[in-house]
């Protein structure tokens, strides 16, 4: 039973007396102002569609055809019949005059020269490698052994000197600096930081309360008691004006449609129906009479004349053909008749029977 119950209607927000008082005058004023605009707009739309169908679209097609004839087709013909053959000819000349000689030069001149240079470079590299391995490497090893010994001696001397210097630096500089940092600089720095922190906090609190009293509280009061109510009223007025514009635009559309239908009906009864009656009652019977009395007999006569002319042309062709045959026979004689060739295979397919055969060996 709960499923069959209809859902409760949604509660709408109640509208105040200000909204109701603003809505009716605004809608009346907006309707009076919007109806002429909507009728002008509908008239412009109808005129634009008519111009588009009768003027702009045919004009655009004509301009498109003229553009193709003036710009596209000449360039296409130039490309197809001039540029492409010329390019192919230049490509063939370039291949014959540049590519083939360059390939021959690379294959039969540069490649052997490069191979010779590479062979010489490999020989020089092998000689330099032998010098490096047999001469320079032993000399380098000996020089490094001498330097390693000298470095060992110098490192032993430096270690002893470093220990003495490190002890002096530790007890003359590091220990007094640590004592000064721990027992003098650290307490003084903490005291200075505590004083600066207290001063900054006091200045921050004073600035906060000053800004709150002088700027924030007046701005909050201005927003809460002046700007927010005025904004709500302006929002209601703007919403009502927008809804009134939409409602007036729809109503004006219906009025414009009714006026357009009335004008269309008036135009149809004044112009279209008389023209239609004249075409149906006057021009159509006259056209039928003209067709039956003039055009059809004229067409029959034209067909008869054409038939006679075709027969005369056929007779003339046949006479010319016979005359040519007679002249050819008088000049060259009668052509020899083709001899009949006897063929071994039968001319047509014969019916098979029980006493006959179609093979060449058993054929009767």
Protein backbone atom coordinates (compact mmCIF):
# COMPACT_ATOMS: atom_id res chain seq x y z
CA UNK A 1 0.00 0.00 0.00
CA UNK A 2 2.91 2.30 0.66
CA UNK A 3 4.16 1.79 -2.89
CA UNK A 4 0.80 2.87 -4.38
CA UNK A 5 0.74 6.14 -2.49
CA UNK A 6 1.62 9.21 -4.51
CA UNK A 7 4.68 11.11 -3.30
CA UNK A 8 3.96 14.22 -1.28
CA UNK A 9 4.16 17.46 -3.28
CA UNK A 10 7.40 19.36 -2.95
CA UNK A 11 7.16 22.39 -0.79
CA UNK A 12 7.97 25.60 -2.59
CA UNK A 13 9.62 28.50 -0.92
CA UNK A 14 6.97 31.11 -0.09
CA UNK A 15 7.39 34.36 -1.96
CA UNK A 16 7.20 37.62 -0.15
CA UNK A 17 4.96 40.58 -0.87
CA UNK A 18 7.92 42.47 -2.37
CA UNK A 19 8.38 39.79 -5.06
CA UNK A 20 4.65 39.78 -5.90
CA UNK A 21 4.54 43.59 -5.97
CA UNK A 22 7.53 43.77 -8.32
CA UNK A 23 6.55 40.92 -10.67
CA UNK A 24 3.32 42.21 -12.27
CA UNK A 25 4.48 45.75 -13.23
CA UNK A 26 7.83 44.47 -14.43
CA UNK A 27 6.19 41.83 -16.64
CA UNK A 28 3.75 44.36 -18.11
CA UNK A 29 6.50 46.88 -18.91
CA UNK A 30 8.82 44.22 -20.31
CA UNK A 31 6.03 42.72 -22.46
CA UNK A 32 5.24 46.15 -23.95
CA UNK A 33 8.93 46.70 -24.71
CA UNK A 34 9.70 43.18 -25.98
CA UNK A 35 6.75 42.62 -28.38
CA UNK A 36 7.99 45.12 -31.06
CA UNK A 37 11.52 43.78 -30.73
CA UNK A 38 10.32 40.17 -31.15
CA UNK A 39 8.16 41.06 -34.17
CA UNK A 40 11.09 42.91 -35.79
CA UNK A 41 13.33 39.94 -35.01
CA UNK A 42 10.90 37.44 -36.56
CA UNK A 43 10.55 39.69 -39.63
CA UNK A 44 14.32 39.85 -39.99
CA UNK A 45 14.55 36.06 -39.64
CA UNK A 46 11.94 35.52 -42.37
CA UNK A 47 13.62 38.08 -44.65
CA UNK A 48 17.01 36.50 -43.99
CA UNK A 49 15.75 33.02 -44.84
CA UNK A 50 14.09 34.33 -48.02
CA UNK A 51 17.26 36.18 -49.06
CA UNK A 52 19.36 33.13 -48.24
CA UNK A 53 17.19 30.81 -50.34
CA UNK A 54 16.68 33.17 -53.30
CA UNK A 55 19.77 35.41 -53.42
CA UNK A 56 22.71 34.41 -51.25
CA UNK A 57 22.76 30.66 -51.94
CA UNK A 58 22.49 30.96 -55.79
CA UNK A 59 24.94 33.87 -55.70
CA UNK A 60 27.32 31.81 -53.57
CA UNK A 61 27.08 28.85 -55.96
CA UNK A 62 27.71 31.16 -58.92
CA UNK A 63 30.69 32.78 -57.18
CA UNK A 64 32.00 29.32 -56.26
CA UNK A 65 31.75 28.20 -59.89
CA UNK A 66 33.41 31.42 -61.09
CA UNK A 67 36.14 30.99 -58.48
CA UNK A 68 36.78 27.45 -59.62
CA UNK A 69 36.80 28.52 -63.28
CA UNK A 70 39.09 31.49 -62.65
CA UNK A 71 41.44 30.22 -59.94
CA UNK A 72 41.23 26.45 -59.46
CA UNK A 73 40.94 25.01 -62.96
CA UNK A 74 43.76 27.14 -64.52
CA UNK A 75 46.12 26.19 -61.68
CA UNK A 76 45.10 22.54 -61.94
CA UNK A 77 45.73 22.58 -65.69
CA UNK A 78 49.04 24.43 -65.17
CA UNK A 79 50.10 21.89 -62.54
CA UNK A 80 48.95 18.85 -64.51
CA UNK A 81 50.11 19.79 -68.01
CA UNK A 82 53.06 22.16 -67.37
CA UNK A 83 54.62 21.83 -63.91
CA UNK A 84 54.45 18.02 -63.61
CA UNK A 85 55.98 17.30 -67.09
CA UNK A 86 58.58 20.03 -66.55
CA UNK A 87 59.42 18.60 -63.11
CA UNK A 88 59.75 15.11 -64.54
CA UNK A 89 62.05 16.42 -67.28
CA UNK A 90 64.19 18.32 -64.77
CA UNK A 91 64.32 15.23 -62.54
CA UNK A 92 65.50 13.14 -65.48
CA UNK A 93 68.13 15.75 -66.41
CA UNK A 94 69.27 15.99 -62.78
CA UNK A 95 69.56 12.22 -62.60
CA UNK A 96 71.53 12.05 -65.84
CA UNK A 97 73.73 15.11 -65.27
CA UNK A 98 74.30 15.04 -61.50
CA UNK A 99 73.35 11.76 -59.80
CA UNK A 100 74.91 9.33 -62.30
CA UNK A 101 78.29 11.21 -62.49
CA UNK A 102 78.37 11.59 -58.66
CA UNK A 103 77.68 7.85 -58.23
CA UNK A 104 80.39 6.98 -60.77
CA UNK A 105 82.87 9.35 -59.07
CA UNK A 106 82.09 7.91 -55.63
CA UNK A 107 82.25 4.29 -56.79
CA UNK A 108 85.31 4.38 -59.07
CA UNK A 109 87.41 7.29 -57.65
CA UNK A 110 86.62 8.18 -54.05
CA UNK A 111 86.12 4.62 -52.81
CA UNK A 112 89.56 3.33 -54.02
CA UNK A 113 91.26 6.50 -52.72
CA UNK A 114 89.52 6.10 -49.36
CA UNK A 115 90.56 2.45 -49.13
CA UNK A 116 94.19 3.44 -49.84
CA UNK A 117 94.10 6.21 -47.22
CA UNK A 118 92.56 3.78 -44.69
CA UNK A 119 95.34 1.21 -45.42
CA UNK A 120 98.05 3.86 -44.89
CA UNK A 121 96.34 5.04 -41.68
CA UNK A 122 96.18 1.47 -40.38
CA UNK A 123 99.94 1.06 -41.06
CA UNK A 124 100.74 4.30 -39.22
CA UNK A 125 98.50 3.29 -36.34
CA UNK A 126 100.23 -0.10 -36.07
CA UNK A 127 103.66 1.63 -35.93
CA UNK A 128 102.50 4.08 -33.26
CA UNK A 129 101.01 1.21 -31.24
CA UNK A 130 104.34 -0.67 -31.36
CA UNK A 131 106.18 2.45 -30.16
CA UNK A 132 103.65 2.91 -27.33
CA UNK A 133 103.84 -0.72 -26.21
CA UNK A 134 107.58 -1.27 -26.60
CA UNK A 135 108.99 2.14 -25.62
CA UNK A 136 106.60 4.52 -23.90
CA UNK A 137 104.92 2.00 -21.57
CA UNK A 138 108.16 0.78 -19.87
CA UNK A 139 109.38 4.36 -19.52
CA UNK A 140 106.05 5.37 -17.95
CA UNK A 141 106.11 2.49 -15.48
CA UNK A 142 109.65 3.43 -14.34
CA UNK A 143 108.72 7.09 -13.98
CA UNK A 144 105.62 6.18 -11.92
CA UNK A 145 107.73 3.91 -9.63
CA UNK A 146 110.12 6.79 -8.89
CA UNK A 147 107.21 9.20 -8.23
CA UNK A 148 105.52 6.66 -5.93
CA UNK A 149 108.68 6.37 -3.80
CA UNK A 150 109.05 10.14 -3.53
CA UNK A 151 105.38 10.45 -2.56
CA UNK A 152 105.77 7.86 0.20
CA UNK A 153 108.67 9.78 1.75
CA UNK A 154 106.81 13.10 1.56
CA UNK A 155 103.65 11.55 3.08
CA UNK A 156 105.61 10.27 6.11
CA UNK A 157 107.07 13.75 6.68
CA UNK A 158 103.62 15.39 6.31
CA UNK A 159 101.96 13.01 8.80
CA UNK A 160 104.38 13.95 11.54
CA UNK A 161 104.00 17.69 10.90
CA UNK A 162 100.20 17.38 10.72
CA UNK A 163 99.96 15.77 14.18
CA UNK A 164 101.89 18.65 15.84
CA UNK A 165 99.83 21.31 14.03
CA UNK A 166 96.52 19.57 14.90
CA UNK A 167 97.41 19.43 18.66
CA UNK A 168 98.32 23.14 18.71
CA UNK A 169 95.10 24.13 16.84
CA UNK A 170 92.92 22.01 19.16
CA UNK A 171 94.20 23.45 22.44
CA UNK A 172 94.86 26.99 21.29
CA UNK A 173 91.76 27.67 19.13
CA UNK A 174 89.00 25.01 19.28
CA UNK A 175 88.75 24.53 23.08
CA UNK A 176 88.63 28.29 23.91
CA UNK A 177 86.08 28.86 21.10
CA UNK A 178 83.78 26.10 22.42
CA UNK A 179 83.95 27.50 25.98
CA UNK A 180 83.16 31.01 24.75
CA UNK A 181 80.17 29.72 22.69
CA UNK A 182 78.67 27.58 25.50
CA UNK A 183 79.09 29.95 28.48
CA UNK A 184 78.91 33.44 26.94
CA UNK A 185 77.30 33.67 23.49
CA UNK A 186 74.48 31.14 24.03
CA UNK A 187 72.95 32.81 27.19
CA UNK A 188 73.26 36.28 25.65
CA UNK A 189 71.59 35.10 22.41
CA UNK A 190 68.71 33.46 24.29
CA UNK A 191 68.08 36.63 26.31
CA UNK A 192 68.07 38.79 23.16
CA UNK A 193 65.70 36.34 21.39
CA UNK A 194 63.26 36.35 24.37
CA UNK A 195 63.19 40.16 24.42
CA UNK A 196 62.67 40.43 20.64
CA UNK A 197 59.90 37.79 20.75
CA UNK A 198 58.04 39.66 23.50
CA UNK A 199 58.33 42.97 21.66
CA UNK A 200 57.10 41.42 18.39
CA UNK A 201 54.15 39.72 20.09
CA UNK A 202 53.12 42.98 21.78
CA UNK A 203 53.33 44.95 18.52
CA UNK A 204 51.39 42.21 16.68
CA UNK A 205 48.61 42.14 19.28
CA UNK A 206 48.31 45.94 19.18
CA UNK A 207 48.15 46.00 15.39
CA UNK A 208 45.60 43.13 15.37
CA UNK A 209 43.18 44.84 17.74
CA UNK A 210 43.66 48.20 16.01
CA UNK A 211 42.89 46.69 12.59
CA UNK A 212 39.95 44.71 14.02
CA UNK A 213 38.36 47.76 15.64
CA UNK A 214 39.05 50.24 12.83
CA UNK A 215 38.59 48.06 9.69
CA UNK A 216 37.06 44.61 10.31
CA UNK A 217 34.12 45.51 12.57
CA UNK A 218 32.94 48.47 10.40
CA UNK A 219 33.28 46.33 7.24
CA UNK A 220 31.31 43.48 8.84
CA UNK A 221 28.57 45.89 9.94
CA UNK A 222 28.45 47.52 6.48
CA UNK A 223 28.19 44.10 4.79
CA UNK A 224 25.66 42.64 7.25
CA UNK A 225 23.27 45.59 7.66
CA UNK A 226 23.57 47.51 4.35
CA UNK A 227 25.13 45.62 1.45
CA UNK A 228 23.51 42.21 2.09
CA UNK A 229 19.89 43.56 2.26
CA UNK A 230 20.44 45.81 -0.76
CA UNK A 231 21.99 42.88 -2.64
CA UNK A 232 19.05 40.63 -1.83
CA UNK A 233 16.60 43.28 -3.10
CA UNK A 234 18.67 43.79 -6.29
CA UNK A 235 18.90 40.02 -6.77
CA UNK A 236 15.12 39.70 -6.50
CA UNK A 237 14.64 42.56 -8.97
CA UNK A 238 17.19 41.10 -11.41
CA UNK A 239 15.67 37.62 -11.16
CA UNK A 240 12.19 38.98 -11.78
CA UNK A 241 13.43 41.06 -14.73
CA UNK A 242 15.10 37.98 -16.23
CA UNK A 243 12.02 35.81 -15.77
CA UNK A 244 9.86 38.62 -17.14
CA UNK A 245 12.09 38.91 -20.20
CA UNK A 246 11.85 35.16 -20.86
CA UNK A 247 8.08 35.13 -20.33
CA UNK A 248 7.61 38.25 -22.48
CA UNK A 249 9.83 36.79 -25.23
CA UNK A 250 7.74 33.63 -25.36
CA UNK A 251 4.46 35.57 -25.33
CA UNK A 252 5.81 37.94 -28.00
CA UNK A 253 6.76 34.90 -30.08
CA UNK A 254 3.21 33.61 -29.93
CA UNK A 255 1.85 37.05 -30.82
CA UNK A 256 4.34 37.37 -33.68
CA UNK A 257 3.42 33.87 -34.91
CA UNK A 258 -0.28 34.78 -34.85
CA UNK A 259 0.38 38.04 -36.73
CA UNK A 260 2.55 36.17 -39.25
CA UNK A 261 -0.14 33.55 -39.83
CA UNK A 262 -2.73 36.30 -40.27
CA UNK A 263 -0.52 38.11 -42.79
CA UNK A 264 0.22 34.83 -44.56
CA UNK A 265 -3.46 33.99 -44.78
CA UNK A 266 -4.26 37.50 -46.01
CA UNK A 267 -1.50 37.27 -48.63
CA UNK A 268 -2.73 33.84 -49.71
CA UNK A 269 -6.34 35.01 -50.13
CA UNK A 270 -5.30 38.25 -51.89
CA UNK A 271 -2.58 36.99 -54.23
CA UNK A 272 -2.07 33.24 -54.17
CA UNK A 273 -5.65 32.04 -54.50
CA UNK A 274 -6.51 34.39 -57.43
CA UNK A 275 -3.34 33.38 -59.25
CA UNK A 276 -4.05 29.72 -58.53
CA UNK A 277 -7.66 30.12 -59.76
CA UNK A 278 -6.44 31.87 -62.95
CA UNK A 279 -3.87 29.11 -63.55
CA UNK A 280 -6.33 26.31 -62.90
CA UNK A 281 -9.43 27.78 -64.60
CA UNK A 282 -7.96 29.81 -67.46
CA UNK A 283 -4.34 28.94 -68.29
CA UNK A 284 -4.68 25.16 -67.93
CA UNK A 285 -7.64 24.79 -70.39
CA UNK A 286 -5.95 27.19 -72.82
CA UNK A 287 -2.76 25.17 -72.56
CA UNK A 288 -4.63 21.93 -73.19
CA UNK A 289 -6.31 23.44 -76.25
CA UNK A 290 -2.97 24.71 -77.57
CA UNK A 291 -1.38 21.33 -76.89
CA UNK A 292 -4.15 19.35 -78.63
CA UNK A 293 -4.73 21.74 -81.53
CA UNK A 294 -1.23 23.04 -82.29
CA UNK A 295 1.62 21.26 -80.54
CA UNK A 296 0.60 17.63 -81.09
CA UNK A 297 -0.16 18.08 -84.87
CA UNK A 298 3.10 20.01 -85.21
CA UNK A 299 4.99 17.26 -83.39
CA UNK A 300 3.34 14.57 -85.61
CA UNK A 301 4.26 16.49 -88.74
CA UNK A 302 7.83 16.95 -87.49
CA UNK A 303 8.07 13.21 -86.77
CA UNK A 304 6.71 12.37 -90.26
CA UNK A 305 9.22 14.77 -91.87
CA UNK A 306 12.01 13.24 -89.82
CA UNK A 307 10.92 9.72 -90.81
CA UNK A 308 10.87 10.68 -94.51
CA UNK A 309 14.27 12.34 -94.19
CA UNK A 310 15.73 9.25 -92.49
CA UNK A 311 14.34 6.99 -95.24
CA UNK A 312 15.79 9.30 -97.91
CA UNK A 313 19.17 9.24 -96.16
CA UNK A 314 19.07 5.43 -95.93
CA UNK A 315 18.24 5.19 -99.64
CA UNK A 316 21.08 7.57 -100.49
CA UNK A 317 23.52 5.59 -98.35
CA UNK A 318 22.45 2.33 -99.98
CA UNK A 319 22.86 3.84 -103.49
CA UNK A 320 26.33 5.16 -102.62
CA UNK A 321 27.31 1.79 -101.13
CA UNK A 322 26.19 -0.07 -104.31
CA UNK A 323 27.96 2.45 -106.55
CA UNK A 324 31.20 1.99 -104.62
CA UNK A 325 30.87 -1.80 -104.88
CA UNK A 326 30.32 -1.59 -108.64
CA UNK A 327 33.32 0.72 -109.12
CA UNK A 328 35.52 -1.56 -107.02
CA UNK A 329 34.37 -4.61 -109.05
CA UNK A 330 35.06 -2.79 -112.34
CA UNK A 331 38.56 -1.76 -111.23
CA UNK A 332 39.79 -4.80 -109.30
CA UNK A 333 37.46 -7.57 -110.44
CA UNK A 334 35.30 -9.87 -108.36
CA UNK A 335 37.05 -10.98 -105.16
CA UNK A 336 37.86 -14.77 -105.00
CA UNK A 337 35.44 -16.86 -103.05
CA UNK A 338 36.94 -18.59 -99.98
CA UNK A 339 37.56 -22.34 -100.42
CA UNK A 340 35.72 -24.68 -98.18
CA UNK A 341 38.05 -26.41 -95.69
CA UNK A 342 37.27 -30.02 -94.84
CA UNK A 343 37.64 -30.57 -91.14
CA UNK A 344 38.12 -33.96 -89.48
CA UNK A 345 36.04 -33.19 -86.44
CA UNK A 346 32.27 -33.16 -86.81
CA UNK A 347 30.60 -29.82 -87.38
CA UNK A 348 27.96 -30.36 -84.73
CA UNK A 349 27.41 -32.48 -81.71
CA UNK A 350 25.87 -35.88 -82.64
CA UNK A 351 23.61 -37.93 -80.47
CA UNK A 352 25.24 -40.95 -78.85
CA UNK A 353 23.72 -44.36 -79.43
CA UNK A 354 24.58 -47.89 -78.32
CA UNK A 355 26.00 -48.86 -81.76
CA UNK A 356 28.11 -45.77 -82.39
CA UNK A 357 31.26 -44.28 -80.84
CA UNK A 358 32.79 -40.85 -80.72
CA UNK A 359 36.47 -41.91 -80.60
CA UNK A 360 38.75 -41.65 -83.70
CA UNK A 361 39.72 -45.36 -83.71
CA UNK A 362 36.21 -46.84 -83.56
CA UNK A 363 34.51 -44.19 -85.66
CA UNK A 364 32.42 -45.47 -88.62
